[in-house]
């Protein structure tokens, strides 16, 4: 079972950056959705791999554009919807 994000601060930072991408209103909703995406049954279209160096689980859903990473110790590292660099204004970090 997932431990969620590493800390409340980490959860709040990720939620502030990415919560609106999923239409979520609270950190609790955001963390629950991230855990469900990374630990739940993998839907057919979801691509999954593990990093050789760390064993981290990576999932990407091309249908919803959801992307997440979880450590082998079940800590959520990130959950967001990537944007192509060409769509990011030059003044925002890429």
N, C-alpha and C. Protein backbone atom coordinates (compact mmCIF):
# COMPACT_ATOMS: atom_id res chain seq x y z
N UNK A 1 0.84 -1.19 0.00
CA UNK A 1 0.00 0.00 0.00
C UNK A 1 0.88 1.25 0.00
N UNK A 2 0.48 2.23 -0.79
CA UNK A 2 1.26 3.46 -0.94
C UNK A 2 1.30 4.28 0.33
N UNK A 3 2.42 4.95 0.51
CA UNK A 3 2.59 5.89 1.61
C UNK A 3 2.21 7.31 1.18
N UNK A 4 1.82 7.47 -0.09
CA UNK A 4 1.50 8.80 -0.60
C UNK A 4 2.77 9.56 -0.91
N UNK A 5 2.67 10.88 -0.90
CA UNK A 5 3.84 11.71 -1.16
C UNK A 5 4.78 11.69 0.05
N UNK A 6 6.02 12.06 -0.17
CA UNK A 6 7.07 11.99 0.85
C UNK A 6 6.73 12.81 2.10
N UNK A 7 6.07 13.96 1.89
CA UNK A 7 5.73 14.84 3.02
C UNK A 7 4.52 15.68 2.64
N UNK A 8 3.93 16.30 3.62
CA UNK A 8 2.81 17.21 3.36
C UNK A 8 3.27 18.35 2.47
N UNK A 9 4.45 18.86 2.72
CA UNK A 9 5.00 19.96 1.91
C UNK A 9 5.15 19.54 0.45
N UNK A 10 5.65 18.33 0.25
CA UNK A 10 5.82 17.82 -1.11
C UNK A 10 4.46 17.66 -1.79
N UNK A 11 3.50 17.11 -1.07
CA UNK A 11 2.14 16.96 -1.61
C UNK A 11 1.55 18.32 -1.97
N UNK A 12 1.67 19.29 -1.08
CA UNK A 12 1.10 20.61 -1.33
C UNK A 12 1.75 21.28 -2.53
N UNK A 13 3.06 21.11 -2.68
CA UNK A 13 3.78 21.70 -3.82
C UNK A 13 3.30 21.07 -5.13
N UNK A 14 3.22 19.74 -5.15
CA UNK A 14 2.76 19.06 -6.37
C UNK A 14 1.31 19.41 -6.68
N UNK A 15 0.47 19.48 -5.67
CA UNK A 15 -0.94 19.82 -5.88
C UNK A 15 -1.05 21.24 -6.46
N UNK A 16 -0.28 22.18 -5.92
CA UNK A 16 -0.31 23.56 -6.42
C UNK A 16 0.10 23.62 -7.89
N UNK A 17 1.04 22.79 -8.27
CA UNK A 17 1.53 22.78 -9.66
C UNK A 17 0.61 22.01 -10.61
N UNK A 18 0.00 20.91 -10.12
CA UNK A 18 -0.67 19.99 -11.03
C UNK A 18 -2.12 19.65 -10.72
N UNK A 19 -2.61 20.01 -9.56
CA UNK A 19 -3.98 19.64 -9.18
C UNK A 19 -5.02 20.10 -10.18
N UNK A 20 -4.84 21.31 -10.70
CA UNK A 20 -5.83 21.84 -11.65
C UNK A 20 -5.82 21.09 -12.98
N UNK A 21 -4.73 20.43 -13.32
CA UNK A 21 -4.65 19.65 -14.56
C UNK A 21 -5.66 18.50 -14.54
N UNK A 22 -6.02 18.05 -13.35
CA UNK A 22 -6.95 16.93 -13.19
C UNK A 22 -8.32 17.40 -12.71
N UNK A 23 -8.49 18.71 -12.53
CA UNK A 23 -9.76 19.25 -12.06
C UNK A 23 -10.05 18.91 -10.60
N UNK A 24 -8.99 18.71 -9.82
CA UNK A 24 -9.16 18.32 -8.42
C UNK A 24 -9.13 19.55 -7.52
N UNK A 25 -9.89 19.48 -6.44
CA UNK A 25 -10.06 20.65 -5.57
C UNK A 25 -9.21 20.62 -4.30
N UNK A 26 -8.78 19.41 -3.87
CA UNK A 26 -8.04 19.33 -2.61
C UNK A 26 -6.81 18.45 -2.76
N UNK A 27 -5.89 18.60 -1.81
CA UNK A 27 -4.70 17.76 -1.79
C UNK A 27 -5.07 16.31 -1.54
N UNK A 28 -6.10 16.09 -0.75
CA UNK A 28 -6.56 14.72 -0.45
C UNK A 28 -7.02 14.03 -1.73
N UNK A 29 -7.81 14.73 -2.55
CA UNK A 29 -8.27 14.17 -3.83
C UNK A 29 -7.08 13.89 -4.75
N UNK A 30 -6.16 14.83 -4.82
CA UNK A 30 -4.99 14.71 -5.70
C UNK A 30 -4.14 13.51 -5.30
N UNK A 31 -3.85 13.38 -4.02
CA UNK A 31 -3.02 12.27 -3.57
C UNK A 31 -3.73 10.93 -3.80
N UNK A 32 -5.03 10.87 -3.52
CA UNK A 32 -5.79 9.64 -3.73
C UNK A 32 -5.79 9.24 -5.19
N UNK A 33 -5.94 10.20 -6.09
CA UNK A 33 -5.94 9.89 -7.52
C UNK A 33 -4.57 9.42 -7.99
N UNK A 34 -3.51 10.05 -7.47
CA UNK A 34 -2.15 9.63 -7.83
C UNK A 34 -1.90 8.20 -7.38
N UNK A 35 -2.31 7.88 -6.16
CA UNK A 35 -2.12 6.52 -5.64
C UNK A 35 -2.93 5.52 -6.46
N UNK A 36 -4.17 5.85 -6.76
CA UNK A 36 -5.01 4.94 -7.56
C UNK A 36 -4.39 4.70 -8.93
N UNK A 37 -3.85 5.75 -9.54
CA UNK A 37 -3.23 5.62 -10.86
C UNK A 37 -2.00 4.71 -10.81
N UNK A 38 -1.18 4.90 -9.78
CA UNK A 38 0.09 4.18 -9.71
C UNK A 38 -0.03 2.78 -9.10
N UNK A 39 -1.00 2.58 -8.22
CA UNK A 39 -1.13 1.28 -7.56
C UNK A 39 -2.32 0.45 -8.04
N UNK A 40 -3.28 1.12 -8.64
CA UNK A 40 -4.47 0.41 -9.09
C UNK A 40 -4.17 -0.52 -10.25
N UNK A 41 -5.17 -1.29 -10.61
CA UNK A 41 -5.03 -2.17 -11.76
C UNK A 41 -4.70 -1.34 -12.99
N UNK A 42 -3.71 -1.78 -13.73
CA UNK A 42 -3.27 -1.03 -14.92
C UNK A 42 -4.25 -1.28 -16.06
N UNK A 43 -4.85 -0.18 -16.54
CA UNK A 43 -5.75 -0.29 -17.69
C UNK A 43 -4.94 -0.63 -18.94
N UNK A 44 -5.61 -1.20 -19.90
CA UNK A 44 -4.97 -1.71 -21.12
C UNK A 44 -4.09 -0.67 -21.80
N UNK A 45 -4.57 0.57 -21.92
CA UNK A 45 -3.83 1.58 -22.66
C UNK A 45 -2.66 2.19 -21.87
N UNK A 46 -2.60 1.94 -20.58
CA UNK A 46 -1.56 2.55 -19.74
C UNK A 46 -0.23 1.85 -19.98
N UNK A 47 0.78 2.66 -20.27
CA UNK A 47 2.13 2.15 -20.48
C UNK A 47 2.85 2.15 -19.13
N UNK A 48 3.66 1.14 -18.89
CA UNK A 48 4.32 1.00 -17.60
C UNK A 48 5.73 0.48 -17.80
N UNK A 49 6.64 1.00 -16.99
CA UNK A 49 7.99 0.46 -16.98
C UNK A 49 8.61 0.74 -15.61
N UNK A 50 9.77 0.14 -15.38
CA UNK A 50 10.52 0.38 -14.15
C UNK A 50 11.91 0.85 -14.52
N UNK A 51 12.37 1.86 -13.80
CA UNK A 51 13.73 2.35 -14.04
C UNK A 51 14.73 1.32 -13.54
N UNK A 52 15.69 0.98 -14.39
CA UNK A 52 16.69 -0.03 -14.02
C UNK A 52 17.52 0.43 -12.83
N UNK A 53 17.87 1.71 -12.79
CA UNK A 53 18.77 2.21 -11.76
C UNK A 53 18.14 2.24 -10.37
N UNK A 54 16.84 2.50 -10.29
CA UNK A 54 16.20 2.71 -8.99
C UNK A 54 15.01 1.79 -8.73
N UNK A 55 14.50 1.16 -9.78
CA UNK A 55 13.32 0.33 -9.62
C UNK A 55 12.02 1.11 -9.54
N UNK A 56 12.08 2.43 -9.74
CA UNK A 56 10.87 3.26 -9.67
C UNK A 56 9.88 2.85 -10.76
N UNK A 57 8.61 2.83 -10.38
CA UNK A 57 7.53 2.52 -11.30
C UNK A 57 7.10 3.79 -12.02
N UNK A 58 6.98 3.71 -13.33
CA UNK A 58 6.54 4.85 -14.14
C UNK A 58 5.32 4.40 -14.93
N UNK A 59 4.27 5.20 -14.88
CA UNK A 59 3.07 4.92 -15.69
C UNK A 59 2.68 6.16 -16.48
N UNK A 60 2.20 5.90 -17.70
CA UNK A 60 1.69 6.97 -18.56
C UNK A 60 0.44 6.47 -19.25
N UNK A 61 -0.61 7.28 -19.21
CA UNK A 61 -1.86 6.95 -19.88
C UNK A 61 -2.01 7.89 -21.07
N UNK A 62 -1.82 7.39 -22.30
CA UNK A 62 -1.91 8.27 -23.47
C UNK A 62 -3.32 8.80 -23.72
N UNK A 63 -4.33 8.15 -23.15
CA UNK A 63 -5.70 8.61 -23.32
C UNK A 63 -5.98 9.84 -22.46
N UNK A 64 -5.57 9.81 -21.19
CA UNK A 64 -5.82 10.93 -20.27
C UNK A 64 -4.62 11.85 -20.14
N UNK A 65 -3.46 11.41 -20.63
CA UNK A 65 -2.18 12.11 -20.52
C UNK A 65 -1.62 12.11 -19.10
N UNK A 66 -2.15 11.28 -18.21
CA UNK A 66 -1.65 11.21 -16.83
C UNK A 66 -0.29 10.50 -16.83
N UNK A 67 0.63 11.03 -16.01
CA UNK A 67 1.98 10.48 -15.87
C UNK A 67 2.31 10.47 -14.40
N UNK A 68 2.83 9.36 -13.89
CA UNK A 68 3.19 9.30 -12.48
C UNK A 68 4.39 8.42 -12.25
N UNK A 69 5.06 8.68 -11.11
CA UNK A 69 6.24 7.91 -10.72
C UNK A 69 6.12 7.59 -9.24
N UNK A 70 6.43 6.31 -8.90
CA UNK A 70 6.40 5.86 -7.51
C UNK A 70 7.67 5.07 -7.21
N UNK A 71 8.22 5.27 -6.02
CA UNK A 71 9.43 4.56 -5.63
C UNK A 71 9.12 3.11 -5.28
N UNK A 72 10.16 2.30 -5.14
CA UNK A 72 9.97 0.90 -4.74
C UNK A 72 9.43 0.80 -3.32
N UNK A 73 9.61 1.86 -2.53
CA UNK A 73 9.08 1.88 -1.16
C UNK A 73 7.69 2.50 -1.11
N UNK A 74 7.06 2.66 -2.28
CA UNK A 74 5.66 3.11 -2.41
C UNK A 74 5.44 4.57 -2.05
N UNK A 75 6.41 5.42 -2.35
CA UNK A 75 6.26 6.86 -2.18
C UNK A 75 6.01 7.47 -3.55
N UNK A 76 4.95 8.28 -3.65
CA UNK A 76 4.63 8.96 -4.91
C UNK A 76 5.62 10.10 -5.10
N UNK A 77 6.32 10.09 -6.22
CA UNK A 77 7.26 11.17 -6.53
C UNK A 77 6.60 12.29 -7.32
N UNK A 78 5.72 11.92 -8.25
CA UNK A 78 5.06 12.94 -9.04
C UNK A 78 3.83 12.36 -9.73
N UNK A 79 2.92 13.27 -10.09
CA UNK A 79 1.71 12.90 -10.82
C UNK A 79 1.25 14.16 -11.56
N UNK A 80 1.28 14.11 -12.88
CA UNK A 80 0.92 15.29 -13.66
C UNK A 80 0.59 14.92 -15.09
N UNK A 81 0.25 15.92 -15.89
CA UNK A 81 0.01 15.74 -17.33
C UNK A 81 1.09 16.53 -18.07
N UNK A 82 2.04 15.83 -18.69
CA UNK A 82 3.11 16.52 -19.41
C UNK A 82 2.57 17.37 -20.56
N UNK A 83 3.26 18.45 -20.84
CA UNK A 83 2.93 19.30 -21.98
C UNK A 83 4.11 19.30 -22.94
N UNK A 84 3.85 19.22 -24.24
CA UNK A 84 4.95 19.32 -25.20
C UNK A 84 5.68 20.66 -25.05
N UNK A 85 6.97 20.64 -25.14
CA UNK A 85 7.76 21.86 -24.99
C UNK A 85 7.29 22.97 -25.92
N UNK A 86 6.86 22.61 -27.12
CA UNK A 86 6.43 23.61 -28.10
C UNK A 86 5.20 24.38 -27.62
N UNK A 87 4.43 23.79 -26.69
CA UNK A 87 3.23 24.47 -26.21
C UNK A 87 3.49 25.33 -24.97
N UNK A 88 4.71 25.29 -24.44
CA UNK A 88 5.04 26.05 -23.24
C UNK A 88 5.59 27.42 -23.65
N UNK A 89 5.00 28.52 -23.14
CA UNK A 89 5.54 29.84 -23.46
C UNK A 89 6.99 29.97 -23.08
N UNK A 90 7.74 30.77 -23.79
CA UNK A 90 9.19 30.87 -23.59
C UNK A 90 9.56 31.33 -22.19
N UNK A 91 8.66 32.03 -21.48
CA UNK A 91 8.99 32.54 -20.15
C UNK A 91 8.76 31.50 -19.03
N UNK A 92 8.12 30.37 -19.36
CA UNK A 92 7.90 29.34 -18.36
C UNK A 92 9.01 28.29 -18.45
N UNK A 93 9.34 27.67 -17.30
CA UNK A 93 10.35 26.62 -17.35
C UNK A 93 9.88 25.43 -18.17
N UNK A 94 10.79 24.79 -18.86
CA UNK A 94 10.45 23.63 -19.69
C UNK A 94 10.95 22.36 -19.05
